[in-house]
Each structure stands twice: as C-alpha cells, then as structure tokens.
C-alpha cells in the first residue's frame, strides 16, 4: 500500500511483512517512513536466521534515529522451509530467537554487548548511533513455546492472521504465562493480523484462502460490508495496546479501495466506542 495514501485514508499504522523471497522489509519501511510525516511503520516479521543481529540493530537504529517514535519492529523464526532454502536454518530456532532478541534489545538501548551464545556471539559491540528513544522489539510466533518466550523477553507479540478469535485468545494465554515470569510489569504490545476481504465476495475469497492454509473456513478472517468487518474486528479488541492489522487477501487487490475501507472501519469502531 502506498504510505502517503495510508495517511490520506486515516490509517494509524502501516505494517509490512518480510516474506522470502519477495521484498526486503527494512527497505520498504524506509520508503514508507520517508514518504510521510506522521505514519508509524511496523516491521513484522523479520526472520532472525537470515540477518546478523548487529546488522539488524544498525538498520533499525538508523530508521529510529531518522524517524523517531515511528518504527516498530517484530522478529521471528522465519518459515523453516524458506530458511532451509536460503541455507540459514538452525537446529534450535527457539534458542536463536532468545539470544537474538536479548542482544538486539541491548544494542538498540546503546549498551555494550558481549555474549558467547550458541548462535549469537558478540565481543564488546556497541552502536555508535543508538536511538535516543526506546525501540520496542516484538516477537512473532505461533507455537506455545515461542509465544511464552515473547511474554518473557519481548516488548510485545505479533499474532498471525490464521488465528480465529478463540485461537488468538489461546495464543495470548501462552503469552500471559510468559509475562507472569517477568520481574518487570512494563508496557506490552499485542499486534493481531487479520485477513480482510471487503465486499460481497469477501467470504468466498476468505474461504478459498482458508482452504489453501488449511484453517477453519467459517472463522478465518473478516469480510463483507464495513459494518460486518467492524463488528468482527471488535471481537479481537479487548485489551490496552492491542493493534489490529487488516491484511488484504489475494494477488489482485485494489489498494486504494482497501485503504478506504480500512478508514471507514476505523471510523465505525471509534464512533461505536465513543473515542
């Protein structure tokens, strides 16, 4: 989606994904941030096996310094078949993610990092240009262990679009179990992707996509009219700092029309909630 049109259509945030082997997430984020003055851009999810943690920290720090307060970052395991294709797969993705997130958060905070982990090994690395403002690092994942890890060490969690209302709540229960193990009770963000297909063919398109993904057809994504989409989205909203990202379905999406629908959905929800 063109970032300037996101602002024109009243979007609060633009979230970008980095899937192999399409377009790089950091480059996309830089373009979107440079094209607007106020739009917040989320990166979800950067696959940790593909990127050295120092390189990631340098790139994110550059964006956060140039566009303070407007970048949100999510990292995850990456799709394992793609990681194997790229020659980047590791035997313990969970261990890598734990080491990676801890190092990334410390680097972005401007600390000198020395660590001798299984995968992350740094010797006195410290960014010369660390961001002045904190940069939240979110973790994207689906399995219980990854979701719990997000609660333990992440600044937030990203829940993917294949979840129904019930499975999303179950996923957040795993996150809560992880958060219960933390010493600090700081802010924690939840980002929920939702497949969205507006219009009279919406449910059919969602059913076709659900079949491809082997998920329940009757409860996958949101579609139909603005009122129907807003009502379905509201079921996912239930806690502070919860962001719902409407993700278009299919290769032939009219992004101008989709952005307009998103604006109308947001306006409908805000009017209903009295915000």
Protein backbone atom coordinates (compact mmCIF):
# COMPACT_ATOMS: atom_id res chain seq x y z
CA UNK A 1 0.00 0.00 0.00
CA UNK A 2 1.35 3.44 -0.83
CA UNK A 3 2.28 5.03 2.50
CA UNK A 4 1.04 8.52 1.64
CA UNK A 5 -2.37 7.10 0.81
CA UNK A 6 -2.41 5.35 4.21
CA UNK A 7 -2.29 8.76 5.84
CA UNK A 8 -4.87 10.19 3.45
CA UNK A 9 -7.19 7.31 4.25
CA UNK A 10 -6.79 7.83 8.02
CA UNK A 11 -4.66 4.81 8.87
CA UNK A 12 -2.82 4.91 12.20
CA UNK A 13 -0.09 2.48 11.22
CA UNK A 14 1.26 0.61 8.21
CA UNK A 15 2.58 -2.89 8.87
CA UNK A 16 4.93 -4.59 6.45
CA UNK A 17 5.92 -8.25 6.26
CA UNK A 18 9.20 -9.73 5.08
CA UNK A 19 8.46 -12.97 3.25
CA UNK A 20 11.03 -14.92 1.27
CA UNK A 21 11.68 -14.25 -1.48
CA UNK A 22 9.78 -11.05 -2.08
CA UNK A 23 10.80 -7.55 -0.93
CA UNK A 24 13.05 -6.56 1.96
CA UNK A 25 11.15 -5.28 4.97
CA UNK A 26 13.68 -2.68 6.11
CA UNK A 27 13.95 -1.08 2.67
CA UNK A 28 10.15 -0.95 2.42
CA UNK A 29 9.93 0.65 5.86
CA UNK A 30 12.47 3.32 4.92
CA UNK A 31 10.47 4.29 1.83
CA UNK A 32 7.19 4.42 3.76
CA UNK A 33 8.68 6.50 6.58
CA UNK A 34 10.31 8.94 4.18
CA UNK A 35 7.07 9.43 2.25
CA UNK A 36 5.09 10.62 5.29
CA UNK A 37 5.48 12.83 8.34
CA UNK A 38 3.34 11.04 10.90
CA UNK A 39 2.75 7.43 9.86
CA UNK A 40 4.03 4.73 12.21
CA UNK A 41 5.51 1.77 10.34
CA UNK A 42 5.69 -1.74 11.76
CA UNK A 43 8.04 -4.47 10.60
CA UNK A 44 6.57 -7.85 11.21
CA UNK A 45 8.23 -10.19 10.99
CA UNK A 46 11.98 -10.11 10.22
CA UNK A 47 13.34 -13.68 10.16
CA UNK A 48 16.24 -13.92 12.61
CA UNK A 49 18.18 -16.70 10.82
CA UNK A 50 18.59 -14.50 7.71
CA UNK A 51 20.04 -11.46 9.47
CA UNK A 52 23.05 -10.99 11.73
CA UNK A 53 21.79 -9.26 14.86
CA UNK A 54 24.35 -6.46 14.59
CA UNK A 55 23.28 -5.64 11.02
CA UNK A 56 19.65 -5.64 12.11
CA UNK A 57 20.42 -3.34 15.04
CA UNK A 58 22.32 -0.92 12.78
CA UNK A 59 19.48 -0.76 10.24
CA UNK A 60 16.77 -0.31 12.86
CA UNK A 61 18.81 2.27 14.76
CA UNK A 62 19.23 4.26 11.55
CA UNK A 63 15.48 4.31 10.92
CA UNK A 64 14.70 5.08 14.55
CA UNK A 65 17.15 7.98 14.57
CA UNK A 66 15.87 9.47 11.33
CA UNK A 67 12.19 8.89 12.17
CA UNK A 68 12.00 8.86 16.00
CA UNK A 69 8.98 7.17 17.54
CA UNK A 70 7.64 5.94 14.20
CA UNK A 71 9.12 2.46 13.84
CA UNK A 72 8.00 -0.79 15.48
CA UNK A 73 9.99 -3.98 14.99
CA UNK A 74 8.96 -7.63 15.06
CA UNK A 75 11.29 -10.61 14.72
CA UNK A 76 10.62 -14.32 14.50
CA UNK A 77 11.86 -17.73 13.39
CA UNK A 78 11.02 -17.32 9.72
CA UNK A 79 9.29 -20.07 7.75
CA UNK A 80 11.58 -23.05 8.22
CA UNK A 81 11.30 -24.35 4.65
CA UNK A 82 12.42 -20.94 3.41
CA UNK A 83 15.26 -20.85 5.92
CA UNK A 84 16.48 -24.19 4.58
CA UNK A 85 16.25 -22.89 1.01
CA UNK A 86 18.37 -19.90 2.00
CA UNK A 87 20.91 -22.04 3.83
CA UNK A 88 20.13 -20.19 7.05
CA UNK A 89 18.16 -22.76 9.08
CA UNK A 90 19.37 -23.56 12.60
CA UNK A 91 18.79 -26.67 14.70
CA UNK A 92 17.19 -24.73 17.56
CA UNK A 93 15.18 -21.73 16.30
CA UNK A 94 13.94 -21.01 19.84
CA UNK A 95 17.47 -20.70 21.19
CA UNK A 96 18.44 -18.39 18.35
CA UNK A 97 15.38 -16.21 18.93
CA UNK A 98 16.07 -15.95 22.66
CA UNK A 99 19.70 -14.95 22.12
CA UNK A 100 18.85 -12.65 19.22
CA UNK A 101 16.11 -10.66 20.94
CA UNK A 102 18.16 -10.17 24.10
CA UNK A 103 21.14 -8.91 22.10
CA UNK A 104 19.01 -6.74 19.81
CA UNK A 105 17.27 -5.00 22.71
CA UNK A 106 20.60 -4.30 24.42
CA UNK A 107 22.19 -2.98 21.23
CA UNK A 108 19.26 -0.67 20.48
CA UNK A 109 19.46 0.59 24.07
CA UNK A 110 23.06 1.67 23.41
CA UNK A 111 24.68 -0.91 25.65
CA UNK A 112 27.99 -2.63 25.01
CA UNK A 113 27.18 -6.28 24.35
CA UNK A 114 29.48 -9.22 24.94
CA UNK A 115 27.86 -12.61 24.68
CA UNK A 116 29.01 -16.12 23.81
CA UNK A 117 25.80 -17.90 22.93
CA UNK A 118 25.04 -20.91 20.81
CA UNK A 119 24.30 -18.71 17.80
CA UNK A 120 24.87 -15.08 18.85
CA UNK A 121 28.48 -14.27 19.67
CA UNK A 122 29.45 -10.65 20.21
CA UNK A 123 32.57 -9.11 21.69
CA UNK A 124 32.13 -5.60 23.06
CA UNK A 125 29.74 -4.48 20.31
CA UNK A 126 28.14 -1.08 20.87
CA UNK A 127 26.30 1.08 18.35
CA UNK A 128 27.84 4.47 17.70
CA UNK A 129 24.41 5.88 16.81
CA UNK A 130 21.96 4.23 19.19
CA UNK A 131 18.39 5.60 19.08
CA UNK A 132 17.59 8.28 21.64
CA UNK A 133 14.11 6.87 22.25
CA UNK A 134 13.39 3.21 23.08
CA UNK A 135 12.56 0.95 20.14
CA UNK A 136 10.13 -1.84 21.11
CA UNK A 137 11.11 -5.31 19.88
CA UNK A 138 8.12 -7.59 19.36
CA UNK A 139 8.21 -11.34 18.75
CA UNK A 140 6.06 -13.03 16.13
CA UNK A 141 5.24 -16.69 16.53
CA UNK A 142 2.63 -19.41 16.63
CA UNK A 143 3.85 -22.21 18.88
CA UNK A 144 3.27 -22.20 22.66
CA UNK A 145 6.99 -22.02 23.48
CA UNK A 146 7.59 -19.08 21.17
CA UNK A 147 4.52 -17.26 22.48
CA UNK A 148 5.65 -17.79 26.06
CA UNK A 149 9.12 -16.52 25.14
CA UNK A 150 7.52 -13.39 23.71
CA UNK A 151 5.91 -12.81 27.09
CA UNK A 152 9.17 -13.36 28.93
CA UNK A 153 11.64 -11.26 26.91
CA UNK A 154 9.73 -9.30 24.26
CA UNK A 155 8.20 -5.83 24.30
CA UNK A 156 5.16 -7.31 22.59
CA UNK A 157 3.85 -10.14 20.45
CA UNK A 158 2.64 -10.44 16.87
CA UNK A 159 -0.17 -12.95 16.27
CA UNK A 160 -0.60 -14.12 12.70
CA UNK A 161 -3.69 -13.95 10.50
CA UNK A 162 -4.52 -17.66 10.66
CA UNK A 163 -5.96 -17.32 14.16
CA UNK A 164 -9.66 -17.26 14.92
CA UNK A 165 -10.99 -15.27 17.88
CA UNK A 166 -10.72 -18.36 20.10
CA UNK A 167 -7.26 -19.43 18.95
CA UNK A 168 -5.98 -15.85 19.24
CA UNK A 169 -7.16 -15.78 22.86
CA UNK A 170 -5.48 -19.13 23.47
CA UNK A 171 -2.27 -17.75 21.95
CA UNK A 172 -2.40 -14.73 24.24
CA UNK A 173 -2.88 -17.05 27.22
CA UNK A 174 0.53 -18.54 26.40
CA UNK A 175 1.96 -15.02 26.21
CA UNK A 176 0.42 -14.17 29.58
CA UNK A 177 2.03 -17.25 31.10
CA UNK A 178 5.38 -15.95 29.91
CA UNK A 179 4.72 -12.46 31.22
CA UNK A 180 3.92 -13.89 34.64
CA UNK A 181 7.55 -14.96 34.83
CA UNK A 182 8.88 -11.42 34.35
CA UNK A 183 10.18 -9.23 37.13
CA UNK A 184 9.07 -6.02 35.43
CA UNK A 185 5.48 -5.10 34.63
CA UNK A 186 6.16 -2.64 31.84
CA UNK A 187 4.00 -1.96 28.81
CA UNK A 188 3.45 -4.81 26.39
CA UNK A 189 2.00 -4.53 22.89
CA UNK A 190 -0.15 -7.03 21.03
CA UNK A 191 -0.39 -6.90 17.24
CA UNK A 192 -3.02 -9.09 15.60
CA UNK A 193 -3.00 -9.59 11.84
CA UNK A 194 -6.42 -10.28 10.33
CA UNK A 195 -7.09 -11.37 6.77
CA UNK A 196 -9.63 -8.95 5.32
CA UNK A 197 -11.70 -9.23 2.15
CA UNK A 198 -14.26 -6.40 1.79
CA UNK A 199 -17.27 -6.64 -0.47
CA UNK A 200 -19.93 -9.21 -1.44
CA UNK A 201 -17.30 -11.78 -2.48
CA UNK A 202 -15.38 -11.36 0.75
CA UNK A 203 -16.40 -14.57 2.47
CA UNK A 204 -15.80 -16.60 -0.67
CA UNK A 205 -12.28 -15.19 -1.02
CA UNK A 206 -11.58 -15.86 2.65
CA UNK A 207 -12.88 -19.43 2.33
CA UNK A 208 -10.60 -20.06 -0.62
CA UNK A 209 -7.62 -18.66 1.28
CA UNK A 210 -8.53 -20.67 4.38
CA UNK A 211 -8.58 -23.85 2.32
CA UNK A 212 -5.09 -23.08 1.00
CA UNK A 213 -3.86 -22.53 4.55
CA UNK A 214 -5.79 -25.50 5.98
CA UNK A 215 -7.55 -23.41 8.65
CA UNK A 216 -11.27 -23.26 9.59
CA UNK A 217 -13.18 -21.59 6.78
CA UNK A 218 -16.10 -20.30 8.83
CA UNK A 219 -13.94 -18.33 11.26
CA UNK A 220 -10.97 -17.23 9.18
CA UNK A 221 -10.53 -13.50 8.64
CA UNK A 222 -13.09 -10.72 8.34
CA UNK A 223 -15.07 -9.72 5.27
CA UNK A 224 -18.24 -8.24 3.83
CA UNK A 225 -19.57 -4.77 4.49
CA UNK A 226 -17.89 -2.12 6.61
CA UNK A 227 -20.35 -2.84 9.44
CA UNK A 228 -19.66 -6.57 9.25
CA UNK A 229 -15.89 -6.08 9.22
CA UNK A 230 -16.01 -3.61 12.10
CA UNK A 231 -18.14 -5.98 14.17
CA UNK A 232 -15.76 -8.85 13.53
CA UNK A 233 -12.70 -6.75 14.30
CA UNK A 234 -14.21 -5.63 17.59
CA UNK A 235 -14.18 -9.22 18.80
CA UNK A 236 -10.35 -9.13 18.66
CA UNK A 237 -10.08 -5.85 20.54
CA UNK A 238 -10.18 -6.32 24.26
CA UNK A 239 -7.07 -5.02 25.94
CA UNK A 240 -4.83 -1.95 26.04
CA UNK A 241 -2.10 -1.58 23.43
CA UNK A 242 -3.82 -4.04 21.09
CA UNK A 243 -3.31 -3.27 17.41
CA UNK A 244 -5.35 -5.00 14.71
CA UNK A 245 -3.74 -5.04 11.26
CA UNK A 246 -6.11 -5.66 8.36
CA UNK A 247 -4.27 -7.70 5.75
CA UNK A 248 -5.64 -7.80 2.18
CA UNK A 249 -6.31 -11.19 0.62
CA UNK A 250 -5.37 -12.28 -2.87
CA UNK A 251 -2.98 -11.06 -5.57
CA UNK A 252 -5.35 -8.63 -7.28
CA UNK A 253 -6.27 -6.15 -4.56
CA UNK A 254 -7.42 -2.60 -5.28
CA UNK A 255 -5.28 -0.98 -2.58
CA UNK A 256 -6.97 2.43 -2.88
CA UNK A 257 -10.37 0.84 -2.24
CA UNK A 258 -8.94 -1.34 0.52
CA UNK A 259 -7.40 1.68 2.28
CA UNK A 260 -10.74 3.49 2.06
CA UNK A 261 -12.49 0.50 3.64
CA UNK A 262 -9.93 0.44 6.46
CA UNK A 263 -10.59 4.13 7.16
CA UNK A 264 -14.34 3.52 7.27
CA UNK A 265 -13.88 0.52 9.56
CA UNK A 266 -11.71 2.55 11.94
CA UNK A 267 -14.25 5.40 11.96
CA UNK A 268 -17.08 2.95 12.65
CA UNK A 269 -15.26 1.32 15.59
CA UNK A 270 -14.28 4.67 17.09
CA UNK A 271 -17.80 6.00 16.79
CA UNK A 272 -19.17 2.85 18.42
CA UNK A 273 -16.64 3.02 21.26
CA UNK A 274 -17.13 6.76 21.66
CA UNK A 275 -13.44 7.50 21.08
